[in-house]
Amino acid sequence: QVQLVESGGGLVQPGGSLRLSCVASGSRFSVYRMGWYRQAPGKQRELVATIGSSSSSINYADSVKDRFTISRDNAKNTVYLQMNSLKPEDTAVYYCNVVTNMATYWGQGTQVSVSS
């Protein structure tokens, strides 16, 4: 079993920045792809960004390109999402997603609110 713990959400003004973190813990697992998804009220969950095991394969949703940066620290089994130039439409619950050799896991979600 793998546990995911997310942190870094909060309330920020438009144009501001936040950094999300997600730590994967457990025993005897290998982490493959890591990523972030988000779900706004009344909308379906959507992909934000994913990163491959060697950080060589990175994908972003068009809506966050050039504003968000995904990265990972394999030694810490941690994935980050640096979010800059935040907009009100970025408001959502952000979920960490980790693909391992055992299964795919989701974090509990962290709220990001962008408002003046």
N, C-alpha and C. Protein backbone atom coordinates (compact mmCIF):
# COMPACT_ATOMS: atom_id res chain seq x y z
N GLN A 1 0.85 -1.19 0.00
CA GLN A 1 0.00 0.00 0.00
C GLN A 1 0.89 1.25 0.00
N VAL A 2 0.47 2.24 -0.75
CA VAL A 2 1.20 3.51 -0.85
C VAL A 2 0.29 4.63 -0.35
N GLN A 3 0.84 5.50 0.46
CA GLN A 3 0.10 6.65 0.95
C GLN A 3 0.65 7.92 0.30
N LEU A 4 -0.25 8.82 -0.06
CA LEU A 4 0.13 10.10 -0.64
C LEU A 4 -0.31 11.22 0.29
N VAL A 5 0.59 12.13 0.57
CA VAL A 5 0.26 13.28 1.41
C VAL A 5 0.59 14.55 0.63
N GLU A 6 -0.43 15.36 0.41
CA GLU A 6 -0.29 16.60 -0.34
C GLU A 6 -0.22 17.78 0.61
N SER A 7 0.43 18.84 0.15
CA SER A 7 0.49 20.07 0.94
C SER A 7 0.73 21.24 0.00
N GLY A 8 0.48 22.44 0.50
CA GLY A 8 0.82 23.64 -0.25
C GLY A 8 -0.34 24.42 -0.81
N GLY A 9 -1.55 23.90 -0.69
CA GLY A 9 -2.69 24.64 -1.21
C GLY A 9 -3.00 25.86 -0.35
N GLY A 10 -3.94 26.67 -0.82
CA GLY A 10 -4.33 27.84 -0.04
C GLY A 10 -5.03 28.87 -0.89
N LEU A 11 -5.18 30.05 -0.31
CA LEU A 11 -5.83 31.17 -0.99
C LEU A 11 -4.77 32.15 -1.44
N VAL A 12 -4.85 32.58 -2.69
CA VAL A 12 -3.88 33.50 -3.24
C VAL A 12 -4.59 34.48 -4.17
N GLN A 13 -4.04 35.64 -4.30
CA GLN A 13 -4.61 36.64 -5.21
C GLN A 13 -4.21 36.34 -6.65
N PRO A 14 -5.01 36.79 -7.60
CA PRO A 14 -4.63 36.62 -9.02
C PRO A 14 -3.23 37.18 -9.27
N GLY A 15 -2.47 36.41 -10.05
CA GLY A 15 -1.08 36.78 -10.32
C GLY A 15 -0.10 36.22 -9.32
N GLY A 16 -0.60 35.65 -8.26
CA GLY A 16 0.27 35.09 -7.22
C GLY A 16 0.78 33.70 -7.56
N SER A 17 1.51 33.13 -6.61
CA SER A 17 2.13 31.83 -6.80
C SER A 17 1.87 30.91 -5.62
N LEU A 18 1.86 29.62 -5.91
CA LEU A 18 1.79 28.59 -4.89
C LEU A 18 2.64 27.41 -5.34
N ARG A 19 3.12 26.63 -4.37
CA ARG A 19 3.86 25.41 -4.69
C ARG A 19 3.23 24.25 -3.96
N LEU A 20 2.77 23.27 -4.74
CA LEU A 20 2.18 22.06 -4.17
C LEU A 20 3.25 20.97 -4.07
N SER A 21 3.12 20.15 -3.03
CA SER A 21 4.01 19.01 -2.86
C SER A 21 3.18 17.77 -2.60
N CYS A 22 3.71 16.63 -3.00
CA CYS A 22 3.04 15.35 -2.75
C CYS A 22 4.12 14.31 -2.46
N VAL A 23 4.05 13.72 -1.29
CA VAL A 23 5.03 12.71 -0.88
C VAL A 23 4.37 11.34 -0.88
N ALA A 24 5.02 10.40 -1.54
CA ALA A 24 4.54 9.02 -1.57
C ALA A 24 5.35 8.20 -0.57
N SER A 25 4.65 7.45 0.29
CA SER A 25 5.33 6.62 1.27
C SER A 25 4.70 5.25 1.33
N GLY A 26 5.47 4.29 1.80
CA GLY A 26 5.01 2.92 1.89
C GLY A 26 6.21 2.01 1.87
N SER A 27 6.00 0.77 1.52
CA SER A 27 7.12 -0.17 1.48
C SER A 27 7.14 -0.94 0.17
N ARG A 28 8.33 -1.15 -0.32
CA ARG A 28 8.56 -2.01 -1.48
C ARG A 28 7.72 -1.60 -2.69
N PHE A 29 7.90 -0.35 -3.10
CA PHE A 29 7.23 0.06 -4.31
C PHE A 29 8.18 0.89 -5.16
N SER A 30 7.89 0.89 -6.44
CA SER A 30 8.64 1.69 -7.40
C SER A 30 7.68 2.68 -8.03
N VAL A 31 8.11 3.92 -8.07
CA VAL A 31 7.25 4.97 -8.62
C VAL A 31 7.57 5.18 -10.08
N TYR A 32 6.56 5.17 -10.90
CA TYR A 32 6.73 5.44 -12.31
C TYR A 32 6.29 6.88 -12.59
N ARG A 33 5.18 7.06 -13.22
CA ARG A 33 4.72 8.40 -13.55
C ARG A 33 4.07 9.07 -12.35
N MET A 34 4.31 10.37 -12.20
CA MET A 34 3.67 11.18 -11.16
C MET A 34 2.97 12.35 -11.85
N GLY A 35 1.94 12.85 -11.21
CA GLY A 35 1.23 13.95 -11.85
C GLY A 35 0.26 14.66 -10.94
N TRP A 36 -0.33 15.70 -11.48
CA TRP A 36 -1.33 16.50 -10.79
C TRP A 36 -2.57 16.63 -11.68
N TYR A 37 -3.72 16.49 -11.05
CA TYR A 37 -5.01 16.71 -11.69
C TYR A 37 -5.76 17.71 -10.83
N ARG A 38 -6.82 18.28 -11.39
CA ARG A 38 -7.63 19.21 -10.61
C ARG A 38 -9.10 19.05 -10.97
N GLN A 39 -9.93 19.43 -10.02
CA GLN A 39 -11.38 19.37 -10.23
C GLN A 39 -12.00 20.62 -9.65
N ALA A 40 -12.61 21.40 -10.52
CA ALA A 40 -13.33 22.61 -10.10
C ALA A 40 -14.78 22.24 -9.81
N PRO A 41 -15.49 23.04 -9.02
CA PRO A 41 -16.89 22.74 -8.70
C PRO A 41 -17.73 22.60 -9.96
N GLY A 42 -18.48 21.50 -10.05
CA GLY A 42 -19.36 21.28 -11.17
C GLY A 42 -18.67 20.82 -12.44
N LYS A 43 -17.37 20.55 -12.36
CA LYS A 43 -16.63 20.12 -13.55
C LYS A 43 -15.96 18.78 -13.31
N GLN A 44 -15.56 18.13 -14.39
CA GLN A 44 -14.87 16.86 -14.30
C GLN A 44 -13.40 17.09 -13.92
N ARG A 45 -12.83 16.06 -13.32
CA ARG A 45 -11.41 16.12 -12.99
C ARG A 45 -10.61 16.16 -14.30
N GLU A 46 -9.60 17.01 -14.34
CA GLU A 46 -8.79 17.17 -15.55
C GLU A 46 -7.31 17.10 -15.23
N LEU A 47 -6.56 16.69 -16.23
CA LEU A 47 -5.11 16.61 -16.08
C LEU A 47 -4.52 18.02 -16.05
N VAL A 48 -3.55 18.21 -15.16
CA VAL A 48 -2.81 19.47 -15.11
C VAL A 48 -1.41 19.25 -15.68
N ALA A 49 -0.69 18.25 -15.13
CA ALA A 49 0.66 17.98 -15.59
C ALA A 49 1.08 16.60 -15.13
N THR A 50 1.93 15.94 -15.93
CA THR A 50 2.50 14.66 -15.54
C THR A 50 4.00 14.67 -15.84
N ILE A 51 4.72 13.80 -15.11
CA ILE A 51 6.17 13.72 -15.29
C ILE A 51 6.59 12.26 -15.19
N GLY A 52 7.42 11.81 -16.12
CA GLY A 52 7.87 10.44 -16.13
C GLY A 52 8.93 10.17 -15.08
N SER A 53 9.32 8.92 -14.97
CA SER A 53 10.21 8.49 -13.90
C SER A 53 11.58 9.17 -13.95
N SER A 54 12.07 9.46 -15.13
CA SER A 54 13.38 10.09 -15.26
C SER A 54 13.27 11.58 -15.52
N SER A 55 12.09 12.13 -15.40
CA SER A 55 11.80 13.55 -15.65
C SER A 55 12.01 13.94 -17.11
N SER A 56 12.19 12.97 -17.98
CA SER A 56 12.40 13.28 -19.39
C SER A 56 11.09 13.46 -20.14
N SER A 57 10.02 12.94 -19.60
CA SER A 57 8.72 13.04 -20.26
C SER A 57 7.79 13.88 -19.39
N ILE A 58 7.49 15.07 -19.85
CA ILE A 58 6.64 16.00 -19.11
C ILE A 58 5.52 16.48 -20.02
N ASN A 59 4.31 16.49 -19.48
CA ASN A 59 3.16 16.97 -20.23
C ASN A 59 2.39 17.98 -19.40
N TYR A 60 1.86 18.99 -20.06
CA TYR A 60 1.05 20.01 -19.41
C TYR A 60 -0.26 20.19 -20.16
N ALA A 61 -1.30 20.51 -19.42
CA ALA A 61 -2.52 20.97 -20.06
C ALA A 61 -2.23 22.32 -20.71
N ASP A 62 -2.87 22.58 -21.83
CA ASP A 62 -2.63 23.84 -22.54
C ASP A 62 -2.93 25.05 -21.65
N SER A 63 -3.89 24.90 -20.76
CA SER A 63 -4.31 26.03 -19.93
C SER A 63 -3.27 26.45 -18.90
N VAL A 64 -2.27 25.58 -18.64
CA VAL A 64 -1.28 25.92 -17.61
C VAL A 64 0.13 26.04 -18.16
N LYS A 65 0.29 25.75 -19.44
CA LYS A 65 1.63 25.85 -20.04
C LYS A 65 2.20 27.25 -19.85
N ASP A 66 3.49 27.30 -19.57
CA ASP A 66 4.24 28.54 -19.37
C ASP A 66 3.91 29.23 -18.04
N ARG A 67 3.01 28.64 -17.25
CA ARG A 67 2.71 29.20 -15.93
C ARG A 67 3.04 28.21 -14.81
N PHE A 68 2.82 26.92 -15.08
CA PHE A 68 3.05 25.89 -14.07
C PHE A 68 4.28 25.07 -14.45
N THR A 69 4.99 24.58 -13.43
CA THR A 69 6.15 23.72 -13.65
C THR A 69 6.07 22.51 -12.73
N ILE A 70 6.12 21.32 -13.32
CA ILE A 70 6.11 20.10 -12.53
C ILE A 70 7.54 19.58 -12.42
N SER A 71 7.87 19.05 -11.25
CA SER A 71 9.20 18.48 -11.04
C SER A 71 9.07 17.36 -10.01
N ARG A 72 10.13 16.58 -9.86
CA ARG A 72 10.09 15.48 -8.90
C ARG A 72 11.47 15.25 -8.31
N ASP A 73 11.47 14.68 -7.10
CA ASP A 73 12.69 14.27 -6.42
C ASP A 73 12.55 12.78 -6.15
N ASN A 74 13.20 11.97 -6.95
CA ASN A 74 13.02 10.52 -6.84
C ASN A 74 13.55 9.98 -5.50
N ALA A 75 14.58 10.61 -4.96
CA ALA A 75 15.13 10.16 -3.68
C ALA A 75 14.11 10.32 -2.55
N LYS A 76 13.21 11.28 -2.71
CA LYS A 76 12.19 11.55 -1.69
C LYS A 76 10.81 11.09 -2.11
N ASN A 77 10.69 10.48 -3.28
CA ASN A 77 9.37 10.06 -3.81
C ASN A 77 8.38 11.23 -3.73
N THR A 78 8.83 12.37 -4.16
CA THR A 78 8.03 13.59 -4.05
C THR A 78 7.88 14.24 -5.41
N VAL A 79 6.67 14.74 -5.66
CA VAL A 79 6.40 15.50 -6.88
C VAL A 79 5.93 16.89 -6.47
N TYR A 80 6.35 17.88 -7.23
CA TYR A 80 6.02 19.27 -6.94
C TYR A 80 5.26 19.88 -8.11
N LEU A 81 4.50 20.91 -7.81
CA LEU A 81 3.86 21.71 -8.85
C LEU A 81 4.02 23.17 -8.47
N GLN A 82 4.89 23.86 -9.18
CA GLN A 82 5.07 25.29 -8.99
C GLN A 82 4.07 26.01 -9.88
N MET A 83 3.21 26.80 -9.26
CA MET A 83 2.15 27.49 -9.99
C MET A 83 2.37 28.98 -9.89
N ASN A 84 2.62 29.60 -11.02
CA ASN A 84 2.84 31.04 -11.10
C ASN A 84 1.73 31.71 -11.91
N SER A 85 1.63 33.01 -11.78
CA SER A 85 0.63 33.77 -12.53
C SER A 85 -0.75 33.14 -12.42
N LEU A 86 -1.14 32.83 -11.22
CA LEU A 86 -2.40 32.14 -10.99
C LEU A 86 -3.59 33.01 -11.39
N LYS A 87 -4.60 32.34 -11.92
CA LYS A 87 -5.82 32.99 -12.38
C LYS A 87 -7.01 32.45 -11.58
N PRO A 88 -8.11 33.20 -11.52
CA PRO A 88 -9.30 32.69 -10.83
C PRO A 88 -9.76 31.34 -11.37
N GLU A 89 -9.59 31.11 -12.66
CA GLU A 89 -10.01 29.84 -13.25
C GLU A 89 -9.13 28.66 -12.85
N ASP A 90 -8.04 28.93 -12.15
CA ASP A 90 -7.22 27.84 -11.61
C ASP A 90 -7.79 27.32 -10.28
N THR A 91 -8.79 27.97 -9.77
CA THR A 91 -9.41 27.54 -8.52
C THR A 91 -9.98 26.14 -8.66
N ALA A 92 -9.56 25.24 -7.79
CA ALA A 92 -9.98 23.84 -7.86
C ALA A 92 -9.36 23.08 -6.70
N VAL A 93 -9.80 21.84 -6.54
CA VAL A 93 -9.09 20.90 -5.67
C VAL A 93 -8.06 20.20 -6.54
N TYR A 94 -6.82 20.21 -6.09
CA TYR A 94 -5.73 19.61 -6.84
C TYR A 94 -5.37 18.27 -6.22
N TYR A 95 -5.29 17.25 -7.08
CA TYR A 95 -5.03 15.89 -6.64
C TYR A 95 -3.70 15.39 -7.21
N CYS A 96 -2.93 14.79 -6.33
CA CYS A 96 -1.71 14.12 -6.74
C CYS A 96 -2.06 12.73 -7.26
N ASN A 97 -1.37 12.29 -8.30
CA ASN A 97 -1.59 10.97 -8.89
C ASN A 97 -0.24 10.30 -9.08
N VAL A 98 -0.12 9.09 -8.58
CA VAL A 98 1.17 8.37 -8.66
C VAL A 98 0.93 6.97 -9.20
N VAL A 99 1.64 6.63 -10.26
CA VAL A 99 1.58 5.29 -10.85
C VAL A 99 2.79 4.51 -10.35
N THR A 100 2.53 3.38 -9.70
CA THR A 100 3.60 2.54 -9.18
C THR A 100 3.56 1.16 -9.81
N ASN A 101 4.51 0.34 -9.40
CA ASN A 101 4.53 -1.05 -9.91
C ASN A 101 3.38 -1.86 -9.33
N MET A 102 2.70 -1.34 -8.32
CA MET A 102 1.60 -2.08 -7.69
C MET A 102 0.24 -1.59 -8.17
N ALA A 103 0.07 -0.28 -8.22
CA ALA A 103 -1.24 0.27 -8.58
C ALA A 103 -1.09 1.78 -8.81
N THR A 104 -2.19 2.41 -9.14
CA THR A 104 -2.24 3.86 -9.27
C THR A 104 -2.94 4.43 -8.04
N TYR A 105 -2.36 5.48 -7.48
CA TYR A 105 -2.88 6.05 -6.25
C TYR A 105 -3.21 7.52 -6.43
N TRP A 106 -4.19 7.97 -5.62
CA TRP A 106 -4.61 9.37 -5.62
C TRP A 106 -4.43 9.95 -4.23
N GLY A 107 -4.03 11.21 -4.18
CA GLY A 107 -3.99 11.91 -2.92
C GLY A 107 -5.39 12.35 -2.50
N GLN A 108 -5.47 12.93 -1.30
CA GLN A 108 -6.77 13.33 -0.76
C GLN A 108 -7.24 14.65 -1.34
N GLY A 109 -6.35 15.37 -1.99
CA GLY A 109 -6.72 16.64 -2.59
C GLY A 109 -6.36 17.82 -1.70
N THR A 110 -5.95 18.91 -2.34
CA THR A 110 -5.66 20.15 -1.62
C THR A 110 -6.31 21.30 -2.37
N GLN A 111 -6.98 22.17 -1.63
CA GLN A 111 -7.74 23.25 -2.24
C GLN A 111 -6.82 24.40 -2.63
N VAL A 112 -6.98 24.85 -3.85
CA VAL A 112 -6.32 26.06 -4.34
C VAL A 112 -7.41 27.04 -4.74
N SER A 113 -7.39 28.20 -4.12
CA SER A 113 -8.38 29.24 -4.42
C SER A 113 -7.65 30.50 -4.85
N VAL A 114 -8.07 31.04 -5.99
CA VAL A 114 -7.46 32.26 -6.52
C VAL A 114 -8.54 33.33 -6.58
N SER A 115 -8.39 34.32 -5.74
CA SER A 115 -9.43 35.34 -5.64
C SER A 115 -8.85 36.61 -5.04
N SER A 116 -9.41 37.73 -5.46
CA SER A 116 -8.99 39.01 -4.88
C SER A 116 -9.91 39.41 -3.73
